[in-house]
Structure formats: structure tokens, C-alpha cells
Amino acid sequence: QVQLVESGGGLVQPGGSLRLSCAASGSGFSTYTMAWYRQAPGKQRDV
């Protein structure tokens, strides 16, 4: 079992930068393929 906790989001102006983090608990992290997805209102979740 793996638990994932994202952080680093927020409000930023156009042209700005953010760094998101995803911390995993549980064993075997190094064996996993990791991905970021996003979902805007009314749209599907995309990789």
C-alpha cells in the first residue's frame, strides 16, 4: 500500500513558477513509475 501526499500548489501570476512535491509512504517507491496528472473544471484528467 502506498499513500501519496501532494504539496506546493497555490496562486501564481502568469509567467511565474511553482514546484509541486509528492511524498510517498510505504515501501517500494523506487520501483514505481510516478506521474503527475491534472484536471481542470469540467474536463477529464490528463497526464
ModelCIF file with pLDDT and N, C-alpha, C, O atoms, coordinates in Angstrom:
data_MODEL
#
_entry.id   MODEL 
#
_entity.id                         1 
_entity.type                       polymer 
_entity.pdbx_number_of_molecules   1 
#
_entity_poly.entity_id                      1 
_entity_poly.type                           'polypeptide(L)' 
_entity_poly.nstd_linkage                   no 
_entity_poly.nstd_monomer                   no 
_entity_poly.pdbx_seq_one_letter_code       QVQLVESGGGLVQPGGSLRLSCAASGSGFSTYTMAWYRQAPGKQRDV 
_entity_poly.pdbx_seq_one_letter_code_can   QVQLVESGGGLVQPGGSLRLSCAASGSGFSTYTMAWYRQAPGKQRDV 
_entity_poly.pdbx_strand_id                 A 
#
loop_
_entity_poly_seq.entity_id 
_entity_poly_seq.num 
_entity_poly_seq.mon_id 
_entity_poly_seq.hetero 
1 1  GLN n 
1 2  VAL n 
1 3  GLN n 
1 4  LEU n 
1 5  VAL n 
1 6  GLU n 
1 7  SER n 
1 8  GLY n 
1 9  GLY n 
1 10 GLY n 
1 11 LEU n 
1 12 VAL n 
1 13 GLN n 
1 14 PRO n 
1 15 GLY n 
1 16 GLY n 
1 17 SER n 
1 18 LEU n 
1 19 ARG n 
1 20 LEU n 
1 21 SER n 
1 22 CYS n 
1 23 ALA n 
1 24 ALA n 
1 25 SER n 
1 26 GLY n 
1 27 SER n 
1 28 GLY n 
1 29 PHE n 
1 30 SER n 
1 31 THR n 
1 32 TYR n 
1 33 THR n 
1 34 MET n 
1 35 ALA n 
1 36 TRP n 
1 37 TYR n 
1 38 ARG n 
1 39 GLN n 
1 40 ALA n 
1 41 PRO n 
1 42 GLY n 
1 43 LYS n 
1 44 GLN n 
1 45 ARG n 
1 46 ASP n 
1 47 VAL n 
#
_struct_asym.id          A 
_struct_asym.entity_id   1 
#
loop_
_ma_qa_metric.id 
_ma_qa_metric.mode 
_ma_qa_metric.name 
_ma_qa_metric.software_group_id 
_ma_qa_metric.type 
1 global pLDDT . pLDDT 
2 local  pLDDT . pLDDT 
#
_ma_qa_metric_global.metric_id      1 
_ma_qa_metric_global.metric_value   95.66 
_ma_qa_metric_global.model_id       1 
_ma_qa_metric_global.ordinal_id     1 
#
loop_
_ma_qa_metric_local.label_asym_id 
_ma_qa_metric_local.label_comp_id 
_ma_qa_metric_local.label_seq_id 
_ma_qa_metric_local.metric_id 
_ma_qa_metric_local.metric_value 
_ma_qa_metric_local.model_id 
_ma_qa_metric_local.ordinal_id 
A GLN 1  2 81.00 1 1  
A VAL 2  2 89.00 1 2  
A GLN 3  2 95.00 1 3  
A LEU 4  2 97.00 1 4  
A VAL 5  2 97.00 1 5  
A GLU 6  2 97.00 1 6  
A SER 7  2 97.00 1 7  
A GLY 8  2 98.00 1 8  
A GLY 9  2 97.00 1 9  
A GLY 10 2 97.00 1 10 
A LEU 11 2 98.00 1 11 
A VAL 12 2 98.00 1 12 
A GLN 13 2 98.00 1 13 
A PRO 14 2 98.00 1 14 
A GLY 15 2 98.00 1 15 
A GLY 16 2 98.00 1 16 
A SER 17 2 98.00 1 17 
A LEU 18 2 98.00 1 18 
A ARG 19 2 98.00 1 19 
A LEU 20 2 98.00 1 20 
A SER 21 2 98.00 1 21 
A CYS 22 2 98.00 1 22 
A ALA 23 2 98.00 1 23 
A ALA 24 2 96.00 1 24 
A SER 25 2 94.00 1 25 
A GLY 26 2 84.00 1 26 
A SER 27 2 85.00 1 27 
A GLY 28 2 89.00 1 28 
A PHE 29 2 93.00 1 29 
A SER 30 2 93.00 1 30 
A THR 31 2 94.00 1 31 
A TYR 32 2 96.00 1 32 
A THR 33 2 97.00 1 33 
A MET 34 2 98.00 1 34 
A ALA 35 2 98.00 1 35 
A TRP 36 2 98.00 1 36 
A TYR 37 2 98.00 1 37 
A ARG 38 2 98.00 1 38 
A GLN 39 2 98.00 1 39 
A ALA 40 2 96.00 1 40 
A PRO 41 2 92.00 1 41 
A GLY 42 2 94.00 1 42 
A LYS 43 2 96.00 1 43 
A GLN 44 2 97.00 1 44 
A ARG 45 2 97.00 1 45 
A ASP 46 2 98.00 1 46 
A VAL 47 2 98.00 1 47 
#
loop_
_atom_site.group_PDB 
_atom_site.id 
_atom_site.type_symbol 
_atom_site.label_atom_id 
_atom_site.label_alt_id 
_atom_site.label_comp_id 
_atom_site.label_asym_id 
_atom_site.label_entity_id 
_atom_site.label_seq_id 
_atom_site.pdbx_PDB_ins_code 
_atom_site.Cartn_x 
_atom_site.Cartn_y 
_atom_site.Cartn_z 
_atom_site.occupancy 
_atom_site.B_iso_or_equiv 
_atom_site.pdbx_formal_charge 
_atom_site.auth_seq_id 
_atom_site.auth_comp_id 
_atom_site.auth_asym_id 
_atom_site.auth_atom_id 
_atom_site.pdbx_PDB_model_num 
ATOM 1   N N  . GLN A 1 1  ? 0.842   -1.183 0.000   1.00 81.00 ? 1  GLN A N  1 
ATOM 2   C CA . GLN A 1 1  ? 0.000   0.000  0.000   1.00 81.00 ? 1  GLN A CA 1 
ATOM 3   C C  . GLN A 1 1  ? 0.884   1.243  0.000   1.00 81.00 ? 1  GLN A C  1 
ATOM 4   O O  . GLN A 1 1  ? 1.861   1.314  0.745   1.00 81.00 ? 1  GLN A O  1 
ATOM 5   N N  . VAL A 1 2  ? 0.544   2.214  -0.831  1.00 89.00 ? 2  VAL A N  1 
ATOM 6   C CA . VAL A 1 2  ? 1.292   3.462  -0.936  1.00 89.00 ? 2  VAL A CA 1 
ATOM 7   C C  . VAL A 1 2  ? 0.334   4.615  -0.699  1.00 89.00 ? 2  VAL A C  1 
ATOM 8   O O  . VAL A 1 2  ? -0.760  4.653  -1.262  1.00 89.00 ? 2  VAL A O  1 
ATOM 9   N N  . GLN A 1 3  ? 0.743   5.532  0.119   1.00 95.00 ? 3  GLN A N  1 
ATOM 10  C CA . GLN A 1 3  ? -0.022  6.764  0.319   1.00 95.00 ? 3  GLN A CA 1 
ATOM 11  C C  . GLN A 1 3  ? 0.778   7.927  -0.245  1.00 95.00 ? 3  GLN A C  1 
ATOM 12  O O  . GLN A 1 3  ? 1.984   8.033  -0.024  1.00 95.00 ? 3  GLN A O  1 
ATOM 13  N N  . LEU A 1 4  ? 0.090   8.796  -0.975  1.00 97.00 ? 4  LEU A N  1 
ATOM 14  C CA . LEU A 1 4  ? 0.734   9.910  -1.645  1.00 97.00 ? 4  LEU A CA 1 
ATOM 15  C C  . LEU A 1 4  ? 0.144   11.225 -1.141  1.00 97.00 ? 4  LEU A C  1 
ATOM 16  O O  . LEU A 1 4  ? -1.073  11.368 -1.019  1.00 97.00 ? 4  LEU A O  1 
ATOM 17  N N  . VAL A 1 5  ? 1.023   12.177 -0.853  1.00 97.00 ? 5  VAL A N  1 
ATOM 18  C CA . VAL A 1 5  ? 0.583   13.489 -0.384  1.00 97.00 ? 5  VAL A CA 1 
ATOM 19  C C  . VAL A 1 5  ? 1.262   14.556 -1.227  1.00 97.00 ? 5  VAL A C  1 
ATOM 20  O O  . VAL A 1 5  ? 2.486   14.692 -1.217  1.00 97.00 ? 5  VAL A O  1 
ATOM 21  N N  . GLU A 1 6  ? 0.440   15.318 -1.965  1.00 97.00 ? 6  GLU A N  1 
ATOM 22  C CA . GLU A 1 6  ? 0.962   16.397 -2.788  1.00 97.00 ? 6  GLU A CA 1 
ATOM 23  C C  . GLU A 1 6  ? 1.015   17.695 -1.992  1.00 97.00 ? 6  GLU A C  1 
ATOM 24  O O  . GLU A 1 6  ? 0.236   17.906 -1.062  1.00 97.00 ? 6  GLU A O  1 
ATOM 25  N N  . SER A 1 7  ? 1.941   18.553 -2.374  1.00 97.00 ? 7  SER A N  1 
ATOM 26  C CA . SER A 1 7  ? 2.038   19.881 -1.782  1.00 97.00 ? 7  SER A CA 1 
ATOM 27  C C  . SER A 1 7  ? 2.684   20.818 -2.787  1.00 97.00 ? 7  SER A C  1 
ATOM 28  O O  . SER A 1 7  ? 3.241   20.382 -3.795  1.00 97.00 ? 7  SER A O  1 
ATOM 29  N N  . GLY A 1 8  ? 2.601   22.122 -2.497  1.00 98.00 ? 8  GLY A N  1 
ATOM 30  C CA . GLY A 1 8  ? 3.270   23.101 -3.335  1.00 98.00 ? 8  GLY A CA 1 
ATOM 31  C C  . GLY A 1 8  ? 2.366   23.882 -4.258  1.00 98.00 ? 8  GLY A C  1 
ATOM 32  O O  . GLY A 1 8  ? 2.829   24.796 -4.940  1.00 98.00 ? 8  GLY A O  1 
ATOM 33  N N  . GLY A 1 9  ? 1.090   23.550 -4.300  1.00 97.00 ? 9  GLY A N  1 
ATOM 34  C CA . GLY A 1 9  ? 0.182   24.294 -5.149  1.00 97.00 ? 9  GLY A CA 1 
ATOM 35  C C  . GLY A 1 9  ? -0.109  25.673 -4.586  1.00 97.00 ? 9  GLY A C  1 
ATOM 36  O O  . GLY A 1 9  ? 0.304   26.003 -3.474  1.00 97.00 ? 9  GLY A O  1 
ATOM 37  N N  . GLY A 1 10 ? -0.824  26.474 -5.366  1.00 97.00 ? 10 GLY A N  1 
ATOM 38  C CA . GLY A 1 10 ? -1.174  27.808 -4.914  1.00 97.00 ? 10 GLY A CA 1 
ATOM 39  C C  . GLY A 1 10 ? -1.550  28.705 -6.057  1.00 97.00 ? 10 GLY A C  1 
ATOM 40  O O  . GLY A 1 10 ? -1.793  28.256 -7.177  1.00 97.00 ? 10 GLY A O  1 
ATOM 41  N N  . LEU A 1 11 ? -1.594  29.992 -5.752  1.00 98.00 ? 11 LEU A N  1 
ATOM 42  C CA . LEU A 1 11 ? -1.925  31.014 -6.745  1.00 98.00 ? 11 LEU A CA 1 
ATOM 43  C C  . LEU A 1 11 ? -0.636  31.661 -7.241  1.00 98.00 ? 11 LEU A C  1 
ATOM 44  O O  . LEU A 1 11 ? 0.215   32.064 -6.448  1.00 98.00 ? 11 LEU A O  1 
ATOM 45  N N  . VAL A 1 12 ? -0.504  31.753 -8.552  1.00 98.00 ? 12 VAL A N  1 
ATOM 46  C CA . VAL A 1 12 ? 0.697   32.345 -9.142  1.00 98.00 ? 12 VAL A CA 1 
ATOM 47  C C  . VAL A 1 12 ? 0.291   33.165 -10.351 1.00 98.00 ? 12 VAL A C  1 
ATOM 48  O O  . VAL A 1 12 ? -0.694  32.850 -11.018 1.00 98.00 ? 12 VAL A O  1 
ATOM 49  N N  . GLN A 1 13 ? 1.045   34.212 -10.636 1.00 98.00 ? 13 GLN A N  1 
ATOM 50  C CA . GLN A 1 13 ? 0.757   35.042 -11.800 1.00 98.00 ? 13 GLN A CA 1 
ATOM 51  C C  . GLN A 1 13 ? 1.268   34.375 -13.073 1.00 98.00 ? 13 GLN A C  1 
ATOM 52  O O  . GLN A 1 13 ? 2.198   33.570 -13.029 1.00 98.00 ? 13 GLN A O  1 
ATOM 53  N N  . PRO A 1 14 ? 0.666   34.708 -14.190 1.00 98.00 ? 14 PRO A N  1 
ATOM 54  C CA . PRO A 1 14 ? 1.182   34.178 -15.471 1.00 98.00 ? 14 PRO A CA 1 
ATOM 55  C C  . PRO A 1 14 ? 2.672   34.486 -15.625 1.00 98.00 ? 14 PRO A C  1 
ATOM 56  O O  . PRO A 1 14 ? 3.134   35.584 -15.316 1.00 98.00 ? 14 PRO A O  1 
ATOM 57  N N  . GLY A 1 15 ? 3.403   33.490 -16.108 1.00 98.00 ? 15 GLY A N  1 
ATOM 58  C CA . GLY A 1 15 ? 4.842   33.620 -16.245 1.00 98.00 ? 15 GLY A CA 1 
ATOM 59  C C  . GLY A 1 15 ? 5.610   33.183 -15.029 1.00 98.00 ? 15 GLY A C  1 
ATOM 60  O O  . GLY A 1 15 ? 6.836   33.076 -15.074 1.00 98.00 ? 15 GLY A O  1 
ATOM 61  N N  . GLY A 1 16 ? 4.917   32.928 -13.943 1.00 98.00 ? 16 GLY A N  1 
ATOM 62  C CA . GLY A 1 16 ? 5.570   32.527 -12.709 1.00 98.00 ? 16 GLY A CA 1 
ATOM 63  C C  . GLY A 1 16 ? 5.892   31.039 -12.663 1.00 98.00 ? 16 GLY A C  1 
ATOM 64  O O  . GLY A 1 16 ? 5.664   30.302 -13.623 1.00 98.00 ? 16 GLY A O  1 
ATOM 65  N N  . SER A 1 17 ? 6.432   30.616 -11.512 1.00 98.00 ? 17 SER A N  1 
ATOM 66  C CA . SER A 1 17 ? 6.861   29.233 -11.333 1.00 98.00 ? 17 SER A CA 1 
ATOM 67  C C  . SER A 1 17 ? 6.316   28.662 -10.028 1.00 98.00 ? 17 SER A C  1 
ATOM 68  O O  . SER A 1 17 ? 6.061   29.386 -9.066  1.00 98.00 ? 17 SER A O  1 
ATOM 69  N N  . LEU A 1 18 ? 6.148   27.360 -10.028 1.00 98.00 ? 18 LEU A N  1 
ATOM 70  C CA . LEU A 1 18 ? 5.807   26.613 -8.827  1.00 98.00 ? 18 LEU A CA 1 
ATOM 71  C C  . LEU A 1 18 ? 6.518   25.272 -8.903  1.00 98.00 ? 18 LEU A C  1 
ATOM 72  O O  . LEU A 1 18 ? 6.798   24.761 -9.987  1.00 98.00 ? 18 LEU A O  1 
ATOM 73  N N  . ARG A 1 19 ? 6.805   24.711 -7.735  1.00 98.00 ? 19 ARG A N  1 
ATOM 74  C CA . ARG A 1 19 ? 7.301   23.348 -7.684  1.00 98.00 ? 19 ARG A CA 1 
ATOM 75  C C  . ARG A 1 19 ? 6.380   22.514 -6.816  1.00 98.00 ? 19 ARG A C  1 
ATOM 76  O O  . ARG A 1 19 ? 6.213   22.781 -5.626  1.00 98.00 ? 19 ARG A O  1 
ATOM 77  N N  . LEU A 1 20 ? 5.791   21.511 -7.419  1.00 98.00 ? 20 LEU A N  1 
ATOM 78  C CA . LEU A 1 20 ? 4.940   20.583 -6.694  1.00 98.00 ? 20 LEU A CA 1 
ATOM 79  C C  . LEU A 1 20 ? 5.781   19.421 -6.174  1.00 98.00 ? 20 LEU A C  1 
ATOM 80  O O  . LEU A 1 20 ? 6.735   18.983 -6.817  1.00 98.00 ? 20 LEU A O  1 
ATOM 81  N N  . SER A 1 21 ? 5.404   18.940 -5.002  1.00 98.00 ? 21 SER A N  1 
ATOM 82  C CA . SER A 1 21 ? 6.057   17.768 -4.419  1.00 98.00 ? 21 SER A CA 1 
ATOM 83  C C  . SER A 1 21 ? 5.016   16.706 -4.131  1.00 98.00 ? 21 SER A C  1 
ATOM 84  O O  . SER A 1 21 ? 3.863   17.015 -3.831  1.00 98.00 ? 21 SER A O  1 
ATOM 85  N N  . CYS A 1 22 ? 5.423   15.470 -4.225  1.00 98.00 ? 22 CYS A N  1 
ATOM 86  C CA . CYS A 1 22 ? 4.551   14.343 -3.886  1.00 98.00 ? 22 CYS A CA 1 
ATOM 87  C C  . CYS A 1 22 ? 5.373   13.388 -3.039  1.00 98.00 ? 22 CYS A C  1 
ATOM 88  O O  . CYS A 1 22 ? 6.306   12.747 -3.524  1.00 98.00 ? 22 CYS A O  1 
ATOM 89  N N  . ALA A 1 23 ? 5.014   13.304 -1.770  1.00 98.00 ? 23 ALA A N  1 
ATOM 90  C CA . ALA A 1 23 ? 5.724   12.427 -0.842  1.00 98.00 ? 23 ALA A CA 1 
ATOM 91  C C  . ALA A 1 23 ? 4.972   11.114 -0.700  1.00 98.00 ? 23 ALA A C  1 
ATOM 92  O O  . ALA A 1 23 ? 3.759   11.095 -0.494  1.00 98.00 ? 23 ALA A O  1 
ATOM 93  N N  . ALA A 1 24 ? 5.702   10.032 -0.812  1.00 96.00 ? 24 ALA A N  1 
ATOM 94  C CA . ALA A 1 24 ? 5.096   8.707  -0.736  1.00 96.00 ? 24 ALA A CA 1 
ATOM 95  C C  . ALA A 1 24 ? 5.489   8.002  0.556   1.00 96.00 ? 24 ALA A C  1 
ATOM 96  O O  . ALA A 1 24 ? 6.635   8.073  0.999   1.00 96.00 ? 24 ALA A O  1 
ATOM 97  N N  . SER A 1 25 ? 4.535   7.334  1.137   1.00 94.00 ? 25 SER A N  1 
ATOM 98  C CA . SER A 1 25 ? 4.816   6.478  2.285   1.00 94.00 ? 25 SER A CA 1 
ATOM 99  C C  . SER A 1 25 ? 4.635   5.032  1.868   1.00 94.00 ? 25 SER A C  1 
ATOM 100 O O  . SER A 1 25 ? 3.979   4.744  0.867   1.00 94.00 ? 25 SER A O  1 
ATOM 101 N N  . GLY A 1 26 ? 5.216   4.124  2.634   1.00 84.00 ? 26 GLY A N  1 
ATOM 102 C CA . GLY A 1 26 ? 5.159   2.727  2.249   1.00 84.00 ? 26 GLY A CA 1 
ATOM 103 C C  . GLY A 1 26 ? 6.439   2.314  1.547   1.00 84.00 ? 26 GLY A C  1 
ATOM 104 O O  . GLY A 1 26 ? 7.311   3.141  1.284   1.00 84.00 ? 26 GLY A O  1 
ATOM 105 N N  . SER A 1 27 ? 6.540   1.057  1.253   1.00 85.00 ? 27 SER A N  1 
ATOM 106 C CA . SER A 1 27 ? 7.772   0.530  0.678   1.00 85.00 ? 27 SER A CA 1 
ATOM 107 C C  . SER A 1 27 ? 7.684   0.455  -0.842  1.00 85.00 ? 27 SER A C  1 
ATOM 108 O O  . SER A 1 27 ? 6.605   0.501  -1.433  1.00 85.00 ? 27 SER A O  1 
ATOM 109 N N  . GLY A 1 28 ? 8.845   0.339  -1.440  1.00 89.00 ? 28 GLY A N  1 
ATOM 110 C CA . GLY A 1 28 ? 8.897   0.086  -2.871  1.00 89.00 ? 28 GLY A CA 1 
ATOM 111 C C  . GLY A 1 28 ? 8.818   1.297  -3.766  1.00 89.00 ? 28 GLY A C  1 
ATOM 112 O O  . GLY A 1 28 ? 8.583   1.161  -4.967  1.00 89.00 ? 28 GLY A O  1 
ATOM 113 N N  . PHE A 1 29 ? 9.012   2.495  -3.203  1.00 93.00 ? 29 PHE A N  1 
ATOM 114 C CA . PHE A 1 29 ? 8.869   3.708  -4.019  1.00 93.00 ? 29 PHE A CA 1 
ATOM 115 C C  . PHE A 1 29 ? 9.746   3.665  -5.252  1.00 93.00 ? 29 PHE A C  1 
ATOM 116 O O  . PHE A 1 29 ? 9.312   4.053  -6.337  1.00 93.00 ? 29 PHE A O  1 
ATOM 117 N N  . SER A 1 30 ? 10.970  3.199  -5.100  1.00 93.00 ? 30 SER A N  1 
ATOM 118 C CA . SER A 1 30 ? 11.906  3.245  -6.221  1.00 93.00 ? 30 SER A CA 1 
ATOM 119 C C  . SER A 1 30 ? 11.490  2.354  -7.381  1.00 93.00 ? 30 SER A C  1 
ATOM 120 O O  . SER A 1 30 ? 12.005  2.504  -8.489  1.00 93.00 ? 30 SER A O  1 
ATOM 121 N N  . THR A 1 31 ? 10.580  1.441  -7.147  1.00 94.00 ? 31 THR A N  1 
ATOM 122 C CA . THR A 1 31 ? 10.143  0.532  -8.216  1.00 94.00 ? 31 THR A CA 1 
ATOM 123 C C  . THR A 1 31 ? 8.923   1.057  -8.978  1.00 94.00 ? 31 THR A C  1 
ATOM 124 O O  . THR A 1 31 ? 8.536   0.504  -10.007 1.00 94.00 ? 31 THR A O  1 
ATOM 125 N N  . TYR A 1 32 ? 8.332   2.118  -8.464  1.00 96.00 ? 32 TYR A N  1 
ATOM 126 C CA . TYR A 1 32 ? 7.112   2.632  -9.078  1.00 96.00 ? 32 TYR A CA 1 
ATOM 127 C C  . TYR A 1 32 ? 7.409   3.611  -10.215 1.00 96.00 ? 32 TYR A C  1 
ATOM 128 O O  . TYR A 1 32 ? 8.359   4.390  -10.141 1.00 96.00 ? 32 TYR A O  1 
ATOM 129 N N  . THR A 1 33 ? 6.600   3.563  -11.247 1.00 97.00 ? 33 THR A N  1 
ATOM 130 C CA . THR A 1 33 ? 6.527   4.663  -12.190 1.00 97.00 ? 33 THR A CA 1 
ATOM 131 C C  . THR A 1 33 ? 5.657   5.735  -11.555 1.00 97.00 ? 33 THR A C  1 
ATOM 132 O O  . THR A 1 33 ? 4.558   5.455  -11.077 1.00 97.00 ? 33 THR A O  1 
ATOM 133 N N  . MET A 1 34 ? 6.153   6.952  -11.555 1.00 98.00 ? 34 MET A N  1 
ATOM 134 C CA . MET A 1 34 ? 5.427   8.067  -10.955 1.00 98.00 ? 34 MET A CA 1 
ATOM 135 C C  . MET A 1 34 ? 4.942   9.009  -12.052 1.00 98.00 ? 34 MET A C  1 
ATOM 136 O O  . MET A 1 34 ? 5.583   9.165  -13.092 1.00 98.00 ? 34 MET A O  1 
ATOM 137 N N  . ALA A 1 35 ? 3.814   9.621  -11.797 1.00 98.00 ? 35 ALA A N  1 
ATOM 138 C CA . ALA A 1 35 ? 3.242   10.520 -12.797 1.00 98.00 ? 35 ALA A CA 1 
ATOM 139 C C  . ALA A 1 35 ? 2.509   11.671 -12.128 1.00 98.00 ? 35 ALA A C  1 
ATOM 140 O O  . ALA A 1 35 ? 2.028   11.561 -11.000 1.00 98.00 ? 35 ALA A O  1 
ATOM 141 N N  . TRP A 1 36 ? 2.439   12.761 -12.849 1.00 98.00 ? 36 TRP A N  1 
ATOM 142 C CA . TRP A 1 36 ? 1.589   13.888 -12.482 1.00 98.00 ? 36 TRP A CA 1 
ATOM 143 C C  . TRP A 1 36 ? 0.469   13.991 -13.519 1.00 98.00 ? 36 TRP A C  1 
ATOM 144 O O  . TRP A 1 36 ? 0.707   13.932 -14.725 1.00 98.00 ? 36 TRP A O  1 
ATOM 145 N N  . TYR A 1 37 ? -0.745  14.145 -13.020 1.00 98.00 ? 37 TYR A N  1 
ATOM 146 C CA . TYR A 1 37 ? -1.924  14.393 -13.842 1.00 98.00 ? 37 TYR A CA 1 
ATOM 147 C C  . TYR A 1 37 ? -2.523  15.729 -13.418 1.00 98.00 ? 37 TYR A C  1 
ATOM 148 O O  . TYR A 1 37 ? -2.203  16.262 -12.356 1.00 98.00 ? 37 TYR A O  1 
ATOM 149 N N  . ARG A 1 38 ? -3.384  16.249 -14.258 1.00 98.00 ? 38 ARG A N  1 
ATOM 150 C CA . ARG A 1 38 ? -4.126  17.444 -13.876 1.00 98.00 ? 38 ARG A CA 1 
ATOM 151 C C  . ARG A 1 38 ? -5.537  17.368 -14.428 1.00 98.00 ? 38 ARG A C  1 
ATOM 152 O O  . ARG A 1 38 ? -5.808  16.741 -15.452 1.00 98.00 ? 38 ARG A O  1 
ATOM 153 N N  . GLN A 1 39 ? -6.424  18.038 -13.702 1.00 98.00 ? 39 GLN A N  1 
ATOM 154 C CA . GLN A 1 39 ? -7.819  18.069 -14.101 1.00 98.00 ? 39 GLN A CA 1 
ATOM 155 C C  . GLN A 1 39 ? -8.377  19.462 -13.880 1.00 98.00 ? 39 GLN A C  1 
ATOM 156 O O  . GLN A 1 39 ? -8.441  19.951 -12.752 1.00 98.00 ? 39 GLN A O  1 
ATOM 157 N N  . ALA A 1 40 ? -8.778  20.089 -14.970 1.00 96.00 ? 40 ALA A N  1 
ATOM 158 C CA . ALA A 1 40 ? -9.409  21.398 -14.898 1.00 96.00 ? 40 ALA A CA 1 
ATOM 159 C C  . ALA A 1 40 ? -10.913 21.212 -14.755 1.00 96.00 ? 40 ALA A C  1 
ATOM 160 O O  . ALA A 1 40 ? -11.432 20.153 -15.108 1.00 96.00 ? 40 ALA A O  1 
ATOM 161 N N  . PRO A 1 41 ? -11.624 22.211 -14.247 1.00 92.00 ? 41 PRO A N  1 
ATOM 162 C CA . PRO A 1 41 ? -13.078 22.083 -14.064 1.00 92.00 ? 41 PRO A CA 1 
ATOM 163 C C  . PRO A 1 41 ? -13.773 21.717 -15.369 1.00 92.00 ? 41 PRO A C  1 
ATOM 164 O O  . PRO A 1 41 ? -13.558 22.355 -16.399 1.00 92.00 ? 41 PRO A O  1 
ATOM 165 N N  . GLY A 1 42 ? -14.606 20.685 -15.314 1.00 94.00 ? 42 GLY A N  1 
ATOM 166 C CA . GLY A 1 42 ? -15.370 20.280 -16.473 1.00 94.00 ? 42 GLY A CA 1 
ATOM 167 C C  . GLY A 1 42 ? -14.595 19.506 -17.510 1.00 94.00 ? 42 GLY A C  1 
ATOM 168 O O  . GLY A 1 42 ? -15.125 19.199 -18.578 1.00 94.00 ? 42 GLY A O  1 
ATOM 169 N N  . LYS A 1 43 ? -13.333 19.179 -17.211 1.00 96.00 ? 43 LYS A N  1 
ATOM 170 C CA . LYS A 1 43 ? -12.511 18.458 -18.178 1.00 96.00 ? 43 LYS A CA 1 
ATOM 171 C C  . LYS A 1 43 ? -12.038 17.140 -17.596 1.00 96.00 ? 43 LYS A C  1 
ATOM 172 O O  . LYS A 1 43 ? -12.120 16.919 -16.388 1.00 96.00 ? 43 LYS A O  1 
ATOM 173 N N  . GLN A 1 44 ? -11.547 16.273 -18.450 1.00 97.00 ? 44 GLN A N  1 
ATOM 174 C CA . GLN A 1 44 ? -11.044 14.986 -17.983 1.00 97.00 ? 44 GLN A CA 1 
ATOM 175 C C  . GLN A 1 44 ? -9.656  15.161 -17.372 1.00 97.00 ? 44 GLN A C  1 
ATOM 176 O O  . GLN A 1 44 ? -8.970  16.159 -17.593 1.00 97.00 ? 44 GLN A O  1 
ATOM 177 N N  . ARG A 1 45 ? -9.276  14.154 -16.600 1.00 97.00 ? 45 ARG A N  1 
ATOM 178 C CA . ARG A 1 45 ? -7.942  14.153 -16.000 1.00 97.00 ? 45 ARG A CA 1 
ATOM 179 C C  . ARG A 1 45 ? -6.927  13.685 -17.054 1.00 97.00 ? 45 ARG A C  1 
ATOM 180 O O  . ARG A 1 45 ? -7.078  12.614 -17.642 1.00 97.00 ? 45 ARG A O  1 
ATOM 181 N N  . ASP A 1 46 ? -5.914  14.486 -17.277 1.00 98.00 ? 46 ASP A N  1 
ATOM 182 C CA . ASP A 1 46 ? -4.904  14.195 -18.290 1.00 98.00 ? 46 ASP A CA 1 
ATOM 183 C C  . ASP A 1 46 ? -3.523  14.066 -17.669 1.00 98.00 ? 46 ASP A C  1 
ATOM 184 O O  . ASP A 1 46 ? -3.211  14.721 -16.674 1.00 98.00 ? 46 ASP A O  1 
ATOM 185 N N  . VAL A 1 47 ? -2.712  13.225 -18.260 1.00 98.00 ? 47 VAL A N  1 
ATOM 186 C CA . VAL A 1 47 ? -1.345  13.064 -17.784 1.00 98.00 ? 47 VAL A CA 1 
ATOM 187 C C  . VAL A 1 47 ? -0.516  14.277 -18.198 1.00 98.00 ? 47 VAL A C  1 
ATOM 188 O O  . VAL A 1 47 ? 0.675   14.343 -17.895 1.00 98.00 ? 47 VAL A O  1 
#
